[in-house]
């Protein structure tokens, strides 16, 4: 069997090598990142943007989660936005220790605070929010559910996800925490 060989002029190989070296390098780094809350709240930090957070400042935010999303069978969009807030601050250089984030869940969103067993019994589906709630807690976010909202919906505090603390009420929580200088973020 005859082998075919390619015959290049002597000058072609160095030219090819120089051409390949001058081509733009494709970055292996993905566009979206998840520096703290993996898989939730994707962020991209553009190099030259205005209003970047100061990494030496402490930021306080109270996330008021009342919207349930289109269905309880999917991740609550408010929780995804909270994950994005954590990821954005950290990606911009703010240490987690400088974030004081608190969540109060109430109103129509209350069922997202249920533990695995009760959620499954009510919706016949696993709670899609359990992992993000766990990851937010691990990142230092304090998460509360309104005790009055639980009562309104005939749930018991024992049925709440163990990552979540039952607060007296959302009304008192909103007033008390804002009095401490927390920015209110409605979800």
N, C-alpha and C. Protein backbone atom coordinates (compact mmCIF):
# COMPACT_ATOMS: atom_id res chain seq x y z
N UNK A 1 0.85 -1.17 0.00
CA UNK A 1 0.00 0.00 0.00
C UNK A 1 0.89 1.23 0.00
N UNK A 2 0.59 2.16 -0.87
CA UNK A 2 1.39 3.36 -1.01
C UNK A 2 0.93 4.43 -0.03
N UNK A 3 1.87 5.01 0.72
CA UNK A 3 1.57 6.09 1.66
C UNK A 3 1.61 7.42 0.94
N UNK A 4 0.64 8.24 1.25
CA UNK A 4 0.67 9.57 0.65
C UNK A 4 1.35 10.52 1.63
N UNK A 5 2.12 11.40 1.15
CA UNK A 5 2.78 12.40 1.98
C UNK A 5 2.44 13.77 1.44
N UNK A 6 2.39 14.71 2.36
CA UNK A 6 2.13 16.08 1.96
C UNK A 6 3.46 16.79 1.81
N UNK A 7 3.62 17.44 0.73
CA UNK A 7 4.86 18.19 0.50
C UNK A 7 4.55 19.67 0.62
N UNK A 8 5.10 20.30 1.68
CA UNK A 8 4.94 21.73 1.90
C UNK A 8 6.25 22.41 1.54
N UNK A 9 6.13 23.61 1.01
CA UNK A 9 7.37 24.38 0.83
C UNK A 9 7.98 24.65 2.20
N UNK A 10 9.27 24.86 2.28
CA UNK A 10 9.97 25.05 3.55
C UNK A 10 9.45 26.25 4.32
N UNK A 11 8.97 27.24 3.67
CA UNK A 11 8.49 28.44 4.34
C UNK A 11 7.08 28.30 4.90
N UNK A 12 6.31 27.28 4.49
CA UNK A 12 4.90 27.15 4.87
C UNK A 12 4.72 26.79 6.35
N UNK A 13 5.55 25.91 6.87
CA UNK A 13 5.38 25.48 8.25
C UNK A 13 5.59 26.62 9.24
N UNK A 14 6.65 27.42 9.14
CA UNK A 14 6.79 28.56 10.06
C UNK A 14 5.65 29.57 9.91
N UNK A 15 5.17 29.79 8.70
CA UNK A 15 4.05 30.70 8.48
C UNK A 15 2.79 30.18 9.16
N UNK A 16 2.54 28.89 9.04
CA UNK A 16 1.39 28.28 9.68
C UNK A 16 1.50 28.41 11.20
N UNK A 17 2.67 28.17 11.76
CA UNK A 17 2.88 28.28 13.20
C UNK A 17 2.65 29.71 13.67
N UNK A 18 3.15 30.69 12.94
CA UNK A 18 2.95 32.10 13.32
C UNK A 18 1.48 32.49 13.25
N UNK A 19 0.79 31.99 12.25
CA UNK A 19 -0.63 32.30 12.10
C UNK A 19 -1.42 31.73 13.28
N UNK A 20 -1.13 30.50 13.64
CA UNK A 20 -1.84 29.87 14.76
C UNK A 20 -1.56 30.59 16.08
N UNK A 21 -0.35 31.08 16.25
CA UNK A 21 0.00 31.77 17.49
C UNK A 21 -0.68 33.13 17.61
N UNK A 22 -1.04 33.73 16.51
CA UNK A 22 -1.66 35.05 16.55
C UNK A 22 -3.19 35.00 16.62
N UNK A 23 -3.77 33.81 16.51
CA UNK A 23 -5.23 33.69 16.60
C UNK A 23 -5.66 33.96 18.05
N UNK A 24 -6.84 34.55 18.24
CA UNK A 24 -7.30 34.79 19.61
C UNK A 24 -7.48 33.45 20.34
N UNK A 25 -7.13 33.45 21.60
CA UNK A 25 -7.26 32.25 22.40
C UNK A 25 -8.67 32.22 22.99
N UNK A 26 -9.31 31.10 22.85
CA UNK A 26 -10.65 30.93 23.40
C UNK A 26 -10.49 30.58 24.88
N UNK A 27 -11.12 31.37 25.72
CA UNK A 27 -11.01 31.17 27.15
C UNK A 27 -11.79 29.94 27.59
N UNK A 28 -11.21 29.17 28.47
CA UNK A 28 -11.89 28.00 29.02
C UNK A 28 -12.82 28.42 30.15
N UNK A 29 -12.71 29.65 30.61
CA UNK A 29 -13.53 30.14 31.70
C UNK A 29 -14.95 30.40 31.20
N UNK A 30 -15.96 29.82 31.86
CA UNK A 30 -17.34 30.05 31.41
C UNK A 30 -17.78 31.49 31.65
N UNK A 31 -18.76 31.91 30.89
CA UNK A 31 -19.28 33.27 31.01
C UNK A 31 -19.94 33.48 32.37
N UNK A 32 -20.80 32.56 32.76
CA UNK A 32 -21.51 32.66 34.05
C UNK A 32 -20.70 31.96 35.13
N UNK A 33 -20.75 32.53 36.34
CA UNK A 33 -20.06 31.89 37.46
C UNK A 33 -20.98 31.80 38.67
N UNK A 34 -20.62 30.92 39.56
CA UNK A 34 -21.38 30.66 40.79
C UNK A 34 -20.36 30.60 41.94
N UNK A 35 -19.83 31.74 42.38
CA UNK A 35 -18.73 31.70 43.35
C UNK A 35 -19.09 31.14 44.73
N UNK A 36 -20.34 31.20 45.13
CA UNK A 36 -20.72 30.70 46.46
C UNK A 36 -21.87 29.70 46.36
N UNK A 37 -22.97 30.12 45.78
CA UNK A 37 -24.17 29.27 45.68
C UNK A 37 -24.10 28.55 44.33
N UNK A 38 -23.56 27.35 44.34
CA UNK A 38 -23.35 26.58 43.12
C UNK A 38 -24.67 26.19 42.45
N UNK A 39 -24.79 26.49 41.16
CA UNK A 39 -25.96 26.09 40.40
C UNK A 39 -27.14 27.04 40.47
N UNK A 40 -27.04 28.08 41.31
CA UNK A 40 -28.14 29.03 41.47
C UNK A 40 -27.58 30.45 41.42
N UNK A 41 -28.35 31.38 40.86
CA UNK A 41 -27.96 32.79 40.86
C UNK A 41 -26.71 33.07 40.05
N UNK A 42 -26.72 32.73 38.76
CA UNK A 42 -25.53 32.95 37.94
C UNK A 42 -25.17 34.43 37.82
N UNK A 43 -23.87 34.72 37.80
CA UNK A 43 -23.41 36.09 37.68
C UNK A 43 -22.27 36.18 36.67
N UNK A 44 -22.16 37.34 36.07
CA UNK A 44 -21.02 37.68 35.23
C UNK A 44 -20.60 39.09 35.62
N UNK A 45 -19.35 39.25 35.98
CA UNK A 45 -18.84 40.55 36.38
C UNK A 45 -18.06 41.15 35.22
N UNK A 46 -18.61 42.18 34.62
CA UNK A 46 -17.93 42.88 33.53
C UNK A 46 -16.76 43.68 34.12
N UNK A 47 -15.66 43.77 33.40
CA UNK A 47 -14.48 44.42 33.97
C UNK A 47 -14.65 45.91 34.25
N UNK A 48 -15.36 46.63 33.43
CA UNK A 48 -15.48 48.08 33.61
C UNK A 48 -16.94 48.47 33.71
N UNK A 49 -17.44 48.48 34.95
CA UNK A 49 -18.83 48.87 35.19
C UNK A 49 -18.87 49.85 36.36
N UNK A 50 -19.95 50.59 36.44
CA UNK A 50 -20.15 51.56 37.52
C UNK A 50 -20.79 50.88 38.72
N UNK A 51 -20.74 51.54 39.85
CA UNK A 51 -21.42 51.13 41.08
C UNK A 51 -21.00 49.74 41.56
N UNK A 52 -19.70 49.51 41.60
CA UNK A 52 -19.18 48.26 42.16
C UNK A 52 -19.19 48.38 43.68
N UNK A 53 -19.55 47.31 44.39
CA UNK A 53 -19.56 47.38 45.85
C UNK A 53 -18.14 47.49 46.41
N UNK A 54 -18.05 48.18 47.53
CA UNK A 54 -16.78 48.35 48.22
C UNK A 54 -16.50 47.09 49.03
N UNK A 55 -15.39 46.39 48.80
CA UNK A 55 -15.13 45.14 49.52
C UNK A 55 -14.87 45.32 51.02
N UNK A 56 -14.68 46.57 51.46
CA UNK A 56 -14.42 46.83 52.88
C UNK A 56 -15.69 47.20 53.65
N UNK A 57 -16.78 47.39 52.95
CA UNK A 57 -18.05 47.77 53.58
C UNK A 57 -18.87 46.53 53.92
N UNK A 58 -19.73 46.64 54.92
CA UNK A 58 -20.68 45.58 55.25
C UNK A 58 -22.03 45.96 54.66
N UNK A 59 -22.66 44.98 54.00
CA UNK A 59 -23.95 45.22 53.34
C UNK A 59 -25.05 44.45 54.06
N UNK A 60 -26.18 45.14 54.30
CA UNK A 60 -27.32 44.55 54.99
C UNK A 60 -28.55 44.60 54.09
N UNK A 61 -29.15 43.43 53.89
CA UNK A 61 -30.36 43.37 53.05
C UNK A 61 -31.37 42.43 53.68
N UNK A 62 -32.62 42.83 53.63
CA UNK A 62 -33.75 42.03 54.09
C UNK A 62 -34.57 41.67 52.85
N UNK A 63 -34.58 40.40 52.50
CA UNK A 63 -35.31 39.93 51.33
C UNK A 63 -36.70 39.47 51.76
N UNK A 64 -37.71 40.13 51.23
CA UNK A 64 -39.10 39.89 51.57
C UNK A 64 -39.71 38.99 50.50
N UNK A 65 -39.79 37.70 50.77
CA UNK A 65 -40.24 36.72 49.77
C UNK A 65 -41.72 36.42 49.98
N UNK A 66 -42.55 36.92 49.07
CA UNK A 66 -44.00 36.70 49.15
C UNK A 66 -44.57 36.03 47.91
N UNK A 67 -43.83 36.07 46.82
CA UNK A 67 -44.35 35.52 45.56
C UNK A 67 -43.99 34.04 45.44
N UNK A 68 -44.99 33.21 45.12
CA UNK A 68 -44.74 31.77 45.07
C UNK A 68 -44.12 31.27 43.76
N UNK A 69 -44.08 32.07 42.75
CA UNK A 69 -43.68 31.56 41.43
C UNK A 69 -44.90 30.99 40.73
N UNK A 70 -44.70 30.50 39.53
CA UNK A 70 -45.84 30.00 38.75
C UNK A 70 -46.39 28.68 39.30
N UNK A 71 -45.51 27.90 39.91
CA UNK A 71 -45.91 26.63 40.50
C UNK A 71 -44.98 26.31 41.66
N UNK A 72 -45.48 25.57 42.61
CA UNK A 72 -44.64 25.14 43.74
C UNK A 72 -43.74 23.97 43.36
N UNK A 73 -43.90 23.47 42.14
CA UNK A 73 -43.10 22.33 41.71
C UNK A 73 -41.76 22.74 41.12
N UNK A 74 -41.53 24.06 41.02
CA UNK A 74 -40.26 24.58 40.50
C UNK A 74 -39.63 25.50 41.53
N UNK A 75 -38.35 25.73 41.36
CA UNK A 75 -37.60 26.61 42.25
C UNK A 75 -38.26 27.98 42.35
N UNK A 76 -38.37 28.50 43.56
CA UNK A 76 -38.93 29.84 43.75
C UNK A 76 -37.98 30.87 43.16
N UNK A 77 -38.46 31.74 42.25
CA UNK A 77 -37.57 32.71 41.61
C UNK A 77 -36.96 33.72 42.59
N UNK A 78 -37.65 34.03 43.68
CA UNK A 78 -37.09 34.93 44.67
C UNK A 78 -35.83 34.37 45.31
N UNK A 79 -35.83 33.06 45.59
CA UNK A 79 -34.65 32.42 46.18
C UNK A 79 -33.48 32.45 45.20
N UNK A 80 -33.78 32.27 43.92
CA UNK A 80 -32.73 32.34 42.90
C UNK A 80 -32.12 33.75 42.86
N UNK A 81 -32.94 34.78 43.02
CA UNK A 81 -32.44 36.16 43.03
C UNK A 81 -31.58 36.43 44.27
N UNK A 82 -31.94 35.84 45.38
CA UNK A 82 -31.15 36.01 46.60
C UNK A 82 -29.78 35.34 46.39
N UNK A 83 -29.77 34.16 45.79
CA UNK A 83 -28.50 33.50 45.47
C UNK A 83 -27.67 34.37 44.54
N UNK A 84 -28.32 35.02 43.59
CA UNK A 84 -27.60 35.91 42.68
C UNK A 84 -27.00 37.10 43.43
N UNK A 85 -27.73 37.62 44.41
CA UNK A 85 -27.19 38.73 45.20
C UNK A 85 -25.93 38.29 45.94
N UNK A 86 -25.97 37.13 46.59
CA UNK A 86 -24.79 36.62 47.29
C UNK A 86 -23.64 36.43 46.30
N UNK A 87 -23.91 35.75 45.20
CA UNK A 87 -22.87 35.48 44.21
C UNK A 87 -22.30 36.76 43.61
N UNK A 88 -23.14 37.76 43.36
CA UNK A 88 -22.67 39.01 42.76
C UNK A 88 -21.74 39.77 43.70
N UNK A 89 -22.15 39.91 44.95
CA UNK A 89 -21.28 40.61 45.90
C UNK A 89 -19.93 39.92 46.04
N UNK A 90 -19.96 38.60 46.17
CA UNK A 90 -18.71 37.85 46.34
C UNK A 90 -17.86 37.92 45.07
N UNK A 91 -18.47 37.77 43.91
CA UNK A 91 -17.72 37.86 42.65
C UNK A 91 -17.10 39.23 42.45
N UNK A 92 -17.73 40.25 43.02
CA UNK A 92 -17.22 41.62 42.91
C UNK A 92 -16.17 41.92 43.99
N UNK A 93 -15.84 40.93 44.82
CA UNK A 93 -14.77 41.10 45.78
C UNK A 93 -15.16 41.32 47.22
N UNK A 94 -16.46 41.30 47.52
CA UNK A 94 -16.91 41.49 48.90
C UNK A 94 -16.86 40.14 49.61
N UNK A 95 -16.17 40.05 50.74
CA UNK A 95 -16.13 38.77 51.48
C UNK A 95 -17.51 38.41 52.04
N UNK A 96 -17.78 37.12 52.10
CA UNK A 96 -19.05 36.67 52.68
C UNK A 96 -19.26 37.24 54.07
N UNK A 97 -18.19 37.42 54.81
CA UNK A 97 -18.29 37.93 56.18
C UNK A 97 -18.79 39.38 56.22
N UNK A 98 -18.84 40.04 55.07
CA UNK A 98 -19.33 41.42 55.01
C UNK A 98 -20.77 41.49 54.51
N UNK A 99 -21.41 40.34 54.38
CA UNK A 99 -22.81 40.31 53.94
C UNK A 99 -23.69 39.93 55.13
N UNK A 100 -24.67 40.75 55.40
CA UNK A 100 -25.67 40.48 56.44
C UNK A 100 -27.01 40.38 55.71
N UNK A 101 -27.32 39.19 55.22
CA UNK A 101 -28.54 38.98 54.45
C UNK A 101 -29.52 38.17 55.28
N UNK A 102 -30.78 38.61 55.24
CA UNK A 102 -31.84 37.95 55.99
C UNK A 102 -33.03 37.80 55.05
N UNK A 103 -33.73 36.69 55.15
CA UNK A 103 -34.90 36.40 54.31
C UNK A 103 -36.10 36.18 55.22
N UNK A 104 -37.23 36.79 54.87
CA UNK A 104 -38.50 36.47 55.54
C UNK A 104 -39.48 35.98 54.47
N UNK A 105 -39.96 34.76 54.66
CA UNK A 105 -40.90 34.13 53.72
C UNK A 105 -42.30 34.22 54.34
N UNK A 106 -43.26 34.68 53.56
CA UNK A 106 -44.63 34.78 54.08
C UNK A 106 -45.61 34.91 52.92
N UNK A 107 -46.88 35.05 53.28
CA UNK A 107 -47.92 35.20 52.26
C UNK A 107 -48.00 33.98 51.36
N UNK A 108 -48.31 34.19 50.08
CA UNK A 108 -48.47 33.06 49.16
C UNK A 108 -47.22 32.19 48.99
N UNK A 109 -46.04 32.70 49.34
CA UNK A 109 -44.80 31.92 49.20
C UNK A 109 -44.55 30.98 50.37
N UNK A 110 -45.34 31.05 51.42
CA UNK A 110 -45.10 30.29 52.64
C UNK A 110 -44.81 28.80 52.42
N UNK A 111 -45.51 28.09 51.54
CA UNK A 111 -45.23 26.66 51.38
C UNK A 111 -43.79 26.31 50.98
N UNK A 112 -43.03 27.25 50.41
CA UNK A 112 -41.65 26.91 50.05
C UNK A 112 -40.80 26.65 51.30
N UNK A 113 -41.30 27.07 52.46
CA UNK A 113 -40.57 26.87 53.72
C UNK A 113 -40.84 25.51 54.35
N UNK A 114 -41.74 24.73 53.78
CA UNK A 114 -42.06 23.44 54.36
C UNK A 114 -40.91 22.45 54.23
N UNK A 115 -40.81 21.56 55.20
CA UNK A 115 -39.82 20.49 55.14
C UNK A 115 -40.19 19.47 54.08
N UNK A 116 -39.28 18.57 53.82
CA UNK A 116 -39.44 17.59 52.74
C UNK A 116 -40.71 16.75 52.90
N UNK A 117 -40.95 16.24 54.09
CA UNK A 117 -42.09 15.33 54.31
C UNK A 117 -43.42 16.04 54.10
N UNK A 118 -43.59 17.21 54.71
CA UNK A 118 -44.87 17.92 54.60
C UNK A 118 -45.09 18.43 53.18
N UNK A 119 -44.04 18.95 52.54
CA UNK A 119 -44.18 19.43 51.17
C UNK A 119 -44.63 18.29 50.26
N UNK A 120 -44.00 17.13 50.39
CA UNK A 120 -44.36 15.96 49.58
C UNK A 120 -45.82 15.57 49.83
N UNK A 121 -46.25 15.60 51.07
CA UNK A 121 -47.63 15.23 51.40
C UNK A 121 -48.65 16.20 50.80
N UNK A 122 -48.30 17.49 50.78
CA UNK A 122 -49.23 18.51 50.28
C UNK A 122 -49.24 18.58 48.76
N UNK A 123 -48.04 18.57 48.14
CA UNK A 123 -47.93 18.81 46.70
C UNK A 123 -47.64 17.55 45.88
N UNK A 124 -47.46 16.42 46.53
CA UNK A 124 -47.16 15.14 45.85
C UNK A 124 -45.94 15.27 44.95
N UNK A 125 -44.97 16.02 45.44
CA UNK A 125 -43.75 16.30 44.67
C UNK A 125 -42.69 16.75 45.67
N UNK A 126 -41.42 16.41 45.44
CA UNK A 126 -40.38 16.90 46.36
C UNK A 126 -40.26 18.43 46.32
N UNK A 127 -39.88 19.01 47.44
CA UNK A 127 -39.70 20.46 47.52
C UNK A 127 -38.46 20.85 46.72
N UNK A 128 -38.63 21.59 45.62
CA UNK A 128 -37.48 21.95 44.77
C UNK A 128 -36.59 23.03 45.39
N UNK A 129 -36.98 23.56 46.54
CA UNK A 129 -36.25 24.67 47.16
C UNK A 129 -35.30 24.22 48.27
N UNK A 130 -35.30 22.95 48.61
CA UNK A 130 -34.51 22.49 49.75
C UNK A 130 -33.01 22.74 49.57
N UNK A 131 -32.48 22.44 48.41
CA UNK A 131 -31.03 22.59 48.21
C UNK A 131 -30.60 24.05 48.25
N UNK A 132 -31.34 24.92 47.57
CA UNK A 132 -30.94 26.34 47.57
C UNK A 132 -31.07 26.94 48.97
N UNK A 133 -32.09 26.54 49.71
CA UNK A 133 -32.24 27.03 51.08
C UNK A 133 -31.06 26.58 51.94
N UNK A 134 -30.65 25.33 51.79
CA UNK A 134 -29.48 24.82 52.52
C UNK A 134 -28.22 25.60 52.13
N UNK A 135 -28.03 25.83 50.84
CA UNK A 135 -26.83 26.53 50.37
C UNK A 135 -26.82 27.99 50.82
N UNK A 136 -27.98 28.64 50.81
CA UNK A 136 -28.05 30.01 51.32
C UNK A 136 -27.68 30.06 52.80
N UNK A 137 -28.20 29.11 53.58
CA UNK A 137 -27.86 29.06 55.02
C UNK A 137 -26.36 28.84 55.20
N UNK A 138 -25.78 27.94 54.43
CA UNK A 138 -24.34 27.69 54.53
C UNK A 138 -23.52 28.92 54.18
N UNK A 139 -24.09 29.79 53.37
CA UNK A 139 -23.40 31.04 52.99
C UNK A 139 -23.63 32.14 54.03
N UNK A 140 -24.37 31.82 55.08
CA UNK A 140 -24.58 32.79 56.15
C UNK A 140 -25.87 33.58 56.07
N UNK A 141 -26.73 33.26 55.12
CA UNK A 141 -28.01 33.95 54.99
C UNK A 141 -28.96 33.40 56.07
N UNK A 142 -29.56 34.28 56.84
CA UNK A 142 -30.53 33.87 57.86
C UNK A 142 -31.92 33.83 57.22
N UNK A 143 -32.62 32.72 57.39
CA UNK A 143 -33.89 32.52 56.71
C UNK A 143 -34.99 32.27 57.74
N UNK A 144 -36.07 33.04 57.61
CA UNK A 144 -37.21 32.96 58.53
C UNK A 144 -38.50 32.77 57.73
N UNK A 145 -39.48 32.17 58.38
CA UNK A 145 -40.83 32.09 57.82
C UNK A 145 -41.77 32.70 58.85
N UNK A 146 -42.80 33.35 58.38
CA UNK A 146 -43.78 34.01 59.24
C UNK A 146 -44.64 32.98 59.96
N UNK A 147 -44.65 33.05 61.30
CA UNK A 147 -45.47 32.14 62.09
C UNK A 147 -46.96 32.33 61.83
N UNK A 148 -47.38 33.57 61.62
CA UNK A 148 -48.80 33.83 61.33
C UNK A 148 -49.20 33.25 59.98
N UNK A 149 -48.30 33.35 58.99
CA UNK A 149 -48.60 32.78 57.67
C UNK A 149 -48.74 31.26 57.77
N UNK A 150 -47.88 30.64 58.58
CA UNK A 150 -48.01 29.18 58.79
C UNK A 150 -49.40 28.86 59.33
N UNK A 151 -49.83 29.63 60.35
CA UNK A 151 -51.15 29.41 60.94
C UNK A 151 -52.27 29.66 59.95
N UNK A 152 -52.14 30.72 59.14
CA UNK A 152 -53.17 31.02 58.13
C UNK A 152 -53.36 29.85 57.17
N UNK A 153 -52.27 29.14 56.88
CA UNK A 153 -52.32 28.04 55.91
C UNK A 153 -52.45 26.68 56.58
N UNK A 154 -52.68 26.69 57.88
CA UNK A 154 -52.89 25.47 58.66
C UNK A 154 -51.66 24.55 58.67
N UNK A 155 -50.47 25.16 58.69
CA UNK A 155 -49.23 24.42 58.86
C UNK A 155 -48.76 24.58 60.30
N UNK A 156 -47.94 23.67 60.72
CA UNK A 156 -47.40 23.66 62.07
C UNK A 156 -45.91 23.99 62.01
N UNK A 157 -45.36 24.74 62.96
CA UNK A 157 -43.93 25.03 62.94
C UNK A 157 -43.05 23.77 62.86
N UNK A 158 -43.52 22.64 63.38
CA UNK A 158 -42.75 21.38 63.29
C UNK A 158 -42.62 20.88 61.86
N UNK A 159 -43.46 21.38 60.94
CA UNK A 159 -43.45 20.94 59.54
C UNK A 159 -42.52 21.78 58.66
N UNK A 160 -41.85 22.76 59.26
CA UNK A 160 -40.97 23.68 58.52
C UNK A 160 -39.60 23.05 58.31
N UNK A 161 -39.02 23.35 57.18
CA UNK A 161 -37.65 22.93 56.85
C UNK A 161 -36.71 23.32 58.00
N UNK A 162 -35.86 22.41 58.45
CA UNK A 162 -34.97 22.73 59.57
C UNK A 162 -33.96 23.84 59.28
N UNK A 163 -33.77 24.22 58.03
CA UNK A 163 -32.88 25.33 57.67
C UNK A 163 -33.52 26.69 57.97
N UNK A 164 -34.82 26.67 58.29
CA UNK A 164 -35.60 27.90 58.44
C UNK A 164 -36.08 28.06 59.87
N UNK A 165 -36.01 29.28 60.38
CA UNK A 165 -36.48 29.61 61.72
C UNK A 165 -37.86 30.24 61.61
N UNK A 166 -38.75 29.85 62.50
CA UNK A 166 -40.09 30.44 62.52
C UNK A 166 -40.03 31.76 63.30
N UNK A 167 -40.43 32.85 62.64
CA UNK A 167 -40.48 34.18 63.26
C UNK A 167 -41.89 34.43 63.78
N UNK A 168 -42.02 35.32 64.74
CA UNK A 168 -43.34 35.68 65.26
C UNK A 168 -44.26 36.05 64.11
N UNK A 169 -43.84 37.01 63.29
CA UNK A 169 -44.62 37.41 62.12
C UNK A 169 -43.74 38.14 61.14
N UNK A 170 -44.17 38.18 59.90
CA UNK A 170 -43.43 38.95 58.90
C UNK A 170 -43.55 40.43 59.18
N UNK A 171 -44.71 40.86 59.66
CA UNK A 171 -44.92 42.28 59.94
C UNK A 171 -43.91 42.81 60.95
N UNK A 172 -43.77 42.10 62.05
CA UNK A 172 -42.81 42.55 63.06
C UNK A 172 -41.38 42.42 62.56
N UNK A 173 -41.10 41.36 61.84
CA UNK A 173 -39.75 41.15 61.31
C UNK A 173 -39.36 42.27 60.37
N UNK A 174 -40.26 42.64 59.46
CA UNK A 174 -39.96 43.70 58.50
C UNK A 174 -39.65 45.02 59.21
N UNK A 175 -40.43 45.36 60.22
CA UNK A 175 -40.22 46.61 60.96
C UNK A 175 -38.91 46.55 61.75
N UNK A 176 -38.73 45.48 62.51
CA UNK A 176 -37.56 45.39 63.39
C UNK A 176 -36.24 45.36 62.62
N UNK A 177 -36.21 44.61 61.53
CA UNK A 177 -34.95 44.48 60.79
C UNK A 177 -34.64 45.75 60.00
N UNK A 178 -35.67 46.40 59.44
CA UNK A 178 -35.41 47.67 58.75
C UNK A 178 -34.96 48.74 59.73
N UNK A 179 -35.44 48.67 60.97
CA UNK A 179 -34.99 49.61 62.00
C UNK A 179 -33.48 49.48 62.26
N UNK A 180 -32.91 48.33 61.92
CA UNK A 180 -31.47 48.09 62.11
C UNK A 180 -30.66 48.50 60.89
N UNK A 181 -31.30 49.16 59.93
CA UNK A 181 -30.59 49.67 58.76
C UNK A 181 -30.49 48.74 57.57
N UNK A 182 -31.27 47.68 57.55
CA UNK A 182 -31.26 46.75 56.42
C UNK A 182 -32.06 47.32 55.25
N UNK A 183 -31.54 47.17 54.04
CA UNK A 183 -32.26 47.57 52.83
C UNK A 183 -33.33 46.54 52.54
N UNK A 184 -34.54 46.99 52.23
CA UNK A 184 -35.64 46.08 51.93
C UNK A 184 -35.62 45.72 50.46
N UNK A 185 -35.61 44.42 50.17
CA UNK A 185 -35.62 43.90 48.81
C UNK A 185 -36.86 43.02 48.66
N UNK A 186 -37.82 43.47 47.89
CA UNK A 186 -39.06 42.68 47.70
C UNK A 186 -38.87 41.64 46.61
N UNK A 187 -39.25 40.41 46.94
CA UNK A 187 -39.10 39.29 46.01
C UNK A 187 -40.48 38.75 45.68
